Amino acid sequence: PTKPPAYDVQGIGMDDLIDFTPELRKQ
């Protein structure tokens, strides 16, 4: 669909990963 946009995360990339701390992000 071109509209409406997705209303939650779809697929996974590095920007979607946990980033509370640099160490958690690295893991």
PDB file of all heavy atoms in Angstrom:
ATOM      1  N   PRO A   1       0.832  -1.211   0.000  1.00  0.00           N
ATOM      2  CA  PRO A   1       0.000   0.000   0.000  1.00  0.00           C
ATOM      3  C   PRO A   1       0.865   1.260   0.000  1.00  0.00           C
ATOM      4  O   PRO A   1       1.876   1.337   0.706  1.00  0.00           O
ATOM      5  CB  PRO A   1      -0.796  -0.123   1.300  1.00  0.00           C
ATOM      6  CG  PRO A   1      -0.778  -1.585   1.634  1.00  0.00           C
ATOM      7  CD  PRO A   1       0.548  -2.073   1.156  1.00  0.00           C
ATOM      8  N   THR A   2       0.460   2.257  -0.792  1.00  0.00           N
ATOM      9  CA  THR A   2       1.153   3.548  -0.769  1.00  0.00           C
ATOM     10  C   THR A   2       0.607   4.451   0.331  1.00  0.00           C
ATOM     11  O   THR A   2       1.292   5.355   0.793  1.00  0.00           O
ATOM     12  CB  THR A   2       1.010   4.251  -2.124  1.00  0.00           C
ATOM     13  OG1 THR A   2      -0.383   4.398  -2.445  1.00  0.00           O
ATOM     14  CG2 THR A   2       1.690   3.438  -3.222  1.00  0.00           C
ATOM     15  N   LYS A   3      -0.640   4.216   0.730  1.00  0.00           N
ATOM     16  CA  LYS A   3      -1.273   4.910   1.844  1.00  0.00           C
ATOM     17  C   LYS A   3      -2.235   3.940   2.513  1.00  0.00           C
ATOM     18  O   LYS A   3      -2.857   3.124   1.821  1.00  0.00           O
ATOM     19  CB  LYS A   3      -2.055   6.144   1.365  1.00  0.00           C
ATOM     20  CG  LYS A   3      -1.224   7.381   1.113  1.00  0.00           C
ATOM     21  CD  LYS A   3      -2.148   8.572   0.890  1.00  0.00           C
ATOM     22  CE  LYS A   3      -1.383   9.870   0.852  1.00  0.00           C
ATOM     23  NZ  LYS A   3      -2.292  11.039   0.801  1.00  0.00           N
ATOM     24  N   PRO A   4      -2.425   4.086   3.818  1.00  0.00           N
ATOM     25  CA  PRO A   4      -1.603   4.810   4.792  1.00  0.00           C
ATOM     26  C   PRO A   4      -0.223   4.148   4.931  1.00  0.00           C
ATOM     27  O   PRO A   4      -0.052   2.983   4.553  1.00  0.00           O
ATOM     28  CB  PRO A   4      -2.396   4.677   6.099  1.00  0.00           C
ATOM     29  CG  PRO A   4      -3.758   4.211   5.703  1.00  0.00           C
ATOM     30  CD  PRO A   4      -3.579   3.419   4.460  1.00  0.00           C
ATOM     31  N   PRO A   5       0.751   4.860   5.500  1.00  0.00           N
ATOM     32  CA  PRO A   5       2.053   4.233   5.741  1.00  0.00           C
ATOM     33  C   PRO A   5       1.940   3.145   6.802  1.00  0.00           C
ATOM     34  O   PRO A   5       0.964   3.081   7.555  1.00  0.00           O
ATOM     35  CB  PRO A   5       2.921   5.399   6.230  1.00  0.00           C
ATOM     36  CG  PRO A   5       1.960   6.407   6.755  1.00  0.00           C
ATOM     37  CD  PRO A   5       0.713   6.261   5.945  1.00  0.00           C
ATOM     38  N   ALA A   6       2.926   2.266   6.852  1.00  0.00           N
ATOM     39  CA  ALA A   6       2.959   1.210   7.869  1.00  0.00           C
ATOM     40  C   ALA A   6       2.879   1.833   9.261  1.00  0.00           C
ATOM     41  O   ALA A   6       3.433   2.905   9.513  1.00  0.00           O
ATOM     42  CB  ALA A   6       4.226   0.394   7.729  1.00  0.00           C
ATOM     43  N   TYR A   7       2.174   1.150  10.171  1.00  0.00           N
ATOM     44  CA  TYR A   7       1.986   1.713  11.511  1.00  0.00           C
ATOM     45  C   TYR A   7       2.854   1.038  12.568  1.00  0.00           C
ATOM     46  O   TYR A   7       2.692   1.301  13.763  1.00  0.00           O
ATOM     47  CB  TYR A   7       0.514   1.703  11.918  1.00  0.00           C
ATOM     48  CG  TYR A   7      -0.200   0.365  11.847  1.00  0.00           C
ATOM     49  CD1 TYR A   7      -0.134  -0.538  12.908  1.00  0.00           C
ATOM     50  CD2 TYR A   7      -0.980   0.014  10.752  1.00  0.00           C
ATOM     51  CE1 TYR A   7      -0.806  -1.745  12.870  1.00  0.00           C
ATOM     52  CE2 TYR A   7      -1.660  -1.188  10.708  1.00  0.00           C
ATOM     53  CZ  TYR A   7      -1.568  -2.068  11.767  1.00  0.00           C
ATOM     54  OH  TYR A   7      -2.240  -3.268  11.732  1.00  0.00           O
ATOM     55  N   ASP A   8       3.767   0.193  12.152  1.00  0.00           N
ATOM     56  CA  ASP A   8       4.761  -0.376  13.074  1.00  0.00           C
ATOM     57  C   ASP A   8       5.979  -0.758  12.253  1.00  0.00           C
ATOM     58  O   ASP A   8       5.981  -0.634  11.015  1.00  0.00           O
ATOM     59  CB  ASP A   8       4.192  -1.577  13.837  1.00  0.00           C
ATOM     60  CG  ASP A   8       4.824  -1.767  15.215  1.00  0.00           C
ATOM     61  OD1 ASP A   8       6.072  -1.698  15.303  1.00  0.00           O
ATOM     62  OD2 ASP A   8       4.096  -1.980  16.197  1.00  0.00           O
ATOM     63  N   VAL A   9       7.021  -1.235  12.939  1.00  0.00           N
ATOM     64  CA  VAL A   9       8.272  -1.587  12.278  1.00  0.00           C
ATOM     65  C   VAL A   9       8.032  -2.743  11.308  1.00  0.00           C
ATOM     66  O   VAL A   9       7.367  -3.722  11.633  1.00  0.00           O
ATOM     67  CB  VAL A   9       9.339  -1.981  13.314  1.00  0.00           C
ATOM     68  CG1 VAL A   9      10.633  -2.402  12.627  1.00  0.00           C
ATOM     69  CG2 VAL A   9       9.593  -0.816  14.271  1.00  0.00           C
ATOM     70  N   GLN A  10       8.604  -2.641  10.118  1.00  0.00           N
ATOM     71  CA  GLN A  10       8.532  -3.698   9.113  1.00  0.00           C
ATOM     72  C   GLN A  10       9.941  -4.031   8.651  1.00  0.00           C
ATOM     73  O   GLN A  10      10.685  -3.158   8.211  1.00  0.00           O
ATOM     74  CB  GLN A  10       7.693  -3.259   7.909  1.00  0.00           C
ATOM     75  CG  GLN A  10       6.225  -3.071   8.204  1.00  0.00           C
ATOM     76  CD  GLN A  10       5.441  -2.653   6.978  1.00  0.00           C
ATOM     77  OE1 GLN A  10       5.939  -1.916   6.124  1.00  0.00           O
ATOM     78  NE2 GLN A  10       4.205  -3.118   6.864  1.00  0.00           N
ATOM     79  N   GLY A  11      10.292  -5.306   8.742  1.00  0.00           N
ATOM     80  CA  GLY A  11      11.653  -5.686   8.423  1.00  0.00           C
ATOM     81  C   GLY A  11      12.604  -5.224   9.506  1.00  0.00           C
ATOM     82  O   GLY A  11      12.204  -4.608  10.508  1.00  0.00           O
ATOM     83  N   ILE A  12      13.874  -5.516   9.323  1.00  0.00           N
ATOM     84  CA  ILE A  12      14.857  -5.172  10.361  1.00  0.00           C
ATOM     85  C   ILE A  12      16.154  -4.714   9.720  1.00  0.00           C
ATOM     86  O   ILE A  12      16.659  -5.318   8.771  1.00  0.00           O
ATOM     87  CB  ILE A  12      15.105  -6.369  11.304  1.00  0.00           C
ATOM     88  CG1 ILE A  12      16.131  -6.013  12.386  1.00  0.00           C
ATOM     89  CG2 ILE A  12      15.523  -7.603  10.536  1.00  0.00           C
ATOM     90  CD1 ILE A  12      16.302  -7.089  13.435  1.00  0.00           C
ATOM     91  N   GLY A  13      16.663  -3.597  10.228  1.00  0.00           N
ATOM     92  CA  GLY A  13      17.969  -3.082   9.851  1.00  0.00           C
ATOM     93  C   GLY A  13      18.717  -2.673  11.101  1.00  0.00           C
ATOM     94  O   GLY A  13      18.181  -2.723  12.214  1.00  0.00           O
ATOM     95  N   MET A  14      19.949  -2.249  10.942  1.00  0.00           N
ATOM     96  CA  MET A  14      20.770  -1.903  12.099  1.00  0.00           C
ATOM     97  C   MET A  14      20.173  -0.756  12.910  1.00  0.00           C
ATOM     98  O   MET A  14      20.324  -0.698  14.131  1.00  0.00           O
ATOM     99  CB  MET A  14      22.192  -1.552  11.641  1.00  0.00           C
ATOM    100  CG  MET A  14      22.946  -2.734  11.061  1.00  0.00           C
ATOM    101  SD  MET A  14      23.095  -4.109  12.254  1.00  0.00           S
ATOM    102  CE  MET A  14      23.859  -5.357  11.213  1.00  0.00           C
ATOM    103  N   ASP A  15      19.450   0.143  12.256  1.00  0.00           N
ATOM    104  CA  ASP A  15      18.861   1.273  12.977  1.00  0.00           C
ATOM    105  C   ASP A  15      17.715   0.850  13.890  1.00  0.00           C
ATOM    106  O   ASP A  15      17.264   1.642  14.722  1.00  0.00           O
ATOM    107  CB  ASP A  15      18.356   2.323  11.982  1.00  0.00           C
ATOM    108  CG  ASP A  15      19.478   3.064  11.291  1.00  0.00           C
ATOM    109  OD1 ASP A  15      20.616   3.005  11.790  1.00  0.00           O
ATOM    110  OD2 ASP A  15      19.213   3.687  10.247  1.00  0.00           O
ATOM    111  N   ASP A  16      17.222  -0.372  13.735  1.00  0.00           N
ATOM    112  CA  ASP A  16      16.111  -0.842  14.556  1.00  0.00           C
ATOM    113  C   ASP A  16      16.569  -1.515  15.845  1.00  0.00           C
ATOM    114  O   ASP A  16      15.743  -1.838  16.703  1.00  0.00           O
ATOM    115  CB  ASP A  16      15.264  -1.845  13.757  1.00  0.00           C
ATOM    116  CG  ASP A  16      14.688  -1.232  12.498  1.00  0.00           C
ATOM    117  OD1 ASP A  16      14.062  -0.163  12.597  1.00  0.00           O
ATOM    118  OD2 ASP A  16      14.869  -1.821  11.414  1.00  0.00           O
ATOM    119  N   LEU A  17      17.879  -1.740  16.002  1.00  0.00           N
ATOM    120  CA  LEU A  17      18.378  -2.522  17.130  1.00  0.00           C
ATOM    121  C   LEU A  17      18.445  -1.703  18.410  1.00  0.00           C
ATOM    122  O   LEU A  17      18.591  -0.473  18.388  1.00  0.00           O
ATOM    123  CB  LEU A  17      19.766  -3.080  16.804  1.00  0.00           C
ATOM    124  CG  LEU A  17      19.863  -3.954  15.548  1.00  0.00           C
ATOM    125  CD1 LEU A  17      21.294  -4.447  15.354  1.00  0.00           C
ATOM    126  CD2 LEU A  17      18.895  -5.129  15.627  1.00  0.00           C
ATOM    127  N   ILE A  18      18.385  -2.388  19.535  1.00  0.00           N
ATOM    128  CA  ILE A  18      18.453  -1.784  20.857  1.00  0.00           C
ATOM    129  C   ILE A  18      19.673  -0.867  20.953  1.00  0.00           C
ATOM    130  O   ILE A  18      20.770  -1.196  20.491  1.00  0.00           O
ATOM    131  CB  ILE A  18      18.515  -2.892  21.937  1.00  0.00           C
ATOM    132  CG1 ILE A  18      18.482  -2.303  23.340  1.00  0.00           C
ATOM    133  CG2 ILE A  18      19.698  -3.801  21.731  1.00  0.00           C
ATOM    134  CD1 ILE A  18      18.390  -3.366  24.436  1.00  0.00           C
ATOM    135  N   ASP A  19      19.479   0.323  21.549  1.00  0.00           N
ATOM    136  CA  ASP A  19      20.591   1.275  21.646  1.00  0.00           C
ATOM    137  C   ASP A  19      20.571   2.034  22.966  1.00  0.00           C
ATOM    138  O   ASP A  19      21.014   3.179  23.050  1.00  0.00           O
ATOM    139  CB  ASP A  19      20.565   2.247  20.469  1.00  0.00           C
ATOM    140  CG  ASP A  19      19.305   3.107  20.429  1.00  0.00           C
ATOM    141  OD1 ASP A  19      18.400   2.871  21.260  1.00  0.00           O
ATOM    142  OD2 ASP A  19      19.231   4.016  19.584  1.00  0.00           O
ATOM    143  N   PHE A  20      20.066   1.393  24.025  1.00  0.00           N
ATOM    144  CA  PHE A  20      20.071   2.043  25.337  1.00  0.00           C
ATOM    145  C   PHE A  20      21.491   2.436  25.747  1.00  0.00           C
ATOM    146  O   PHE A  20      21.702   3.492  26.344  1.00  0.00           O
ATOM    147  CB  PHE A  20      19.477   1.111  26.392  1.00  0.00           C
ATOM    148  CG  PHE A  20      17.996   0.869  26.256  1.00  0.00           C
ATOM    149  CD1 PHE A  20      17.465  -0.389  26.457  1.00  0.00           C
ATOM    150  CD2 PHE A  20      17.129   1.899  25.931  1.00  0.00           C
ATOM    151  CE1 PHE A  20      16.109  -0.627  26.342  1.00  0.00           C
ATOM    152  CE2 PHE A  20      15.765   1.682  25.808  1.00  0.00           C
ATOM    153  CZ  PHE A  20      15.252   0.418  26.011  1.00  0.00           C
ATOM    154  N   THR A  21      22.453   1.561  25.457  1.00  0.00           N
ATOM    155  CA  THR A  21      23.868   1.840  25.736  1.00  0.00           C
ATOM    156  C   THR A  21      24.700   1.360  24.559  1.00  0.00           C
ATOM    157  O   THR A  21      24.267   0.477  23.799  1.00  0.00           O
ATOM    158  CB  THR A  21      24.364   1.117  27.003  1.00  0.00           C
ATOM    159  OG1 THR A  21      24.405  -0.296  26.756  1.00  0.00           O
ATOM    160  CG2 THR A  21      23.457   1.401  28.192  1.00  0.00           C
ATOM    161  N   PRO A  22      25.910   1.900  24.371  1.00  0.00           N
ATOM    162  CA  PRO A  22      26.780   1.437  23.280  1.00  0.00           C
ATOM    163  C   PRO A  22      27.096  -0.059  23.379  1.00  0.00           C
ATOM    164  O   PRO A  22      27.177  -0.740  22.346  1.00  0.00           O
ATOM    165  CB  PRO A  22      28.036   2.290  23.443  1.00  0.00           C
ATOM    166  CG  PRO A  22      27.571   3.532  24.133  1.00  0.00           C
ATOM    167  CD  PRO A  22      26.485   3.077  25.059  1.00  0.00           C
ATOM    168  N   GLU A  23      27.249  -0.581  24.589  1.00  0.00           N
ATOM    169  CA  GLU A  23      27.579  -1.992  24.747  1.00  0.00           C
ATOM    170  C   GLU A  23      26.413  -2.877  24.316  1.00  0.00           C
ATOM    171  O   GLU A  23      26.607  -3.896  23.635  1.00  0.00           O
ATOM    172  CB  GLU A  23      27.950  -2.284  26.202  1.00  0.00           C
ATOM    173  CG  GLU A  23      28.325  -3.741  26.484  1.00  0.00           C
ATOM    174  CD  GLU A  23      29.510  -4.223  25.667  1.00  0.00           C
ATOM    175  OE1 GLU A  23      30.362  -3.395  25.289  1.00  0.00           O
ATOM    176  OE2 GLU A  23      29.571  -5.450  25.398  1.00  0.00           O
ATOM    177  N   LEU A  24      25.198  -2.515  24.711  1.00  0.00           N
ATOM    178  CA  LEU A  24      24.035  -3.290  24.291  1.00  0.00           C
ATOM    179  C   LEU A  24      23.883  -3.243  22.776  1.00  0.00           C
ATOM    180  O   LEU A  24      23.567  -4.252  22.137  1.00  0.00           O
ATOM    181  CB  LEU A  24      22.774  -2.754  24.964  1.00  0.00           C
ATOM    182  CG  LEU A  24      22.663  -2.990  26.471  1.00  0.00           C
ATOM    183  CD1 LEU A  24      21.487  -2.204  27.050  1.00  0.00           C
ATOM    184  CD2 LEU A  24      22.501  -4.477  26.777  1.00  0.00           C
ATOM    185  N   ARG A  25      24.119  -2.077  22.209  1.00  0.00           N
ATOM    186  CA  ARG A  25      24.037  -1.941  20.755  1.00  0.00           C
ATOM    187  C   ARG A  25      25.057  -2.838  20.058  1.00  0.00           C
ATOM    188  O   ARG A  25      24.740  -3.534  19.087  1.00  0.00           O
ATOM    189  CB  ARG A  25      24.285  -0.478  20.397  1.00  0.00           C
ATOM    190  CG  ARG A  25      24.521  -0.198  18.942  1.00  0.00           C
ATOM    191  CD  ARG A  25      23.242  -0.206  18.173  1.00  0.00           C
ATOM    192  NE  ARG A  25      23.433   0.267  16.817  1.00  0.00           N
ATOM    193  CZ  ARG A  25      22.458   0.635  16.018  1.00  0.00           C
ATOM    194  NH1 ARG A  25      21.224   0.599  16.462  1.00  0.00           N
ATOM    195  NH2 ARG A  25      22.688   1.020  14.802  1.00  0.00           N
ATOM    196  N   LYS A  26      26.269  -2.845  20.561  1.00  0.00           N
ATOM    197  CA  LYS A  26      27.329  -3.664  19.967  1.00  0.00           C
ATOM    198  C   LYS A  26      26.958  -5.141  20.022  1.00  0.00           C
ATOM    199  O   LYS A  26      27.149  -5.888  19.047  1.00  0.00           O
ATOM    200  CB  LYS A  26      28.640  -3.413  20.717  1.00  0.00           C
ATOM    201  CG  LYS A  26      29.812  -4.220  20.188  1.00  0.00           C
ATOM    202  CD  LYS A  26      31.077  -3.907  20.984  1.00  0.00           C
ATOM    203  CE  LYS A  26      32.247  -4.759  20.497  1.00  0.00           C
ATOM    204  NZ  LYS A  26      33.483  -4.471  21.288  1.00  0.00           N
ATOM    205  N   GLN A  27      26.413  -5.586  21.158  1.00  0.00           N
ATOM    206  CA  GLN A  27      26.019  -6.988  21.285  1.00  0.00           C
ATOM    207  C   GLN A  27      24.866  -7.329  20.343  1.00  0.00           C
ATOM    208  O   GLN A  27      24.810  -8.435  19.789  1.00  0.00           O
ATOM    209  CB  GLN A  27      25.633  -7.283  22.728  1.00  0.00           C
ATOM    210  CG  GLN A  27      26.805  -7.237  23.699  1.00  0.00           C
ATOM    211  CD  GLN A  27      26.378  -7.480  25.137  1.00  0.00           C
ATOM    212  OE1 GLN A  27      25.409  -8.187  25.393  1.00  0.00           O
ATOM    213  NE2 GLN A  27      27.100  -6.885  26.080  1.00  0.00           N
TER     214      GLN A  27
END
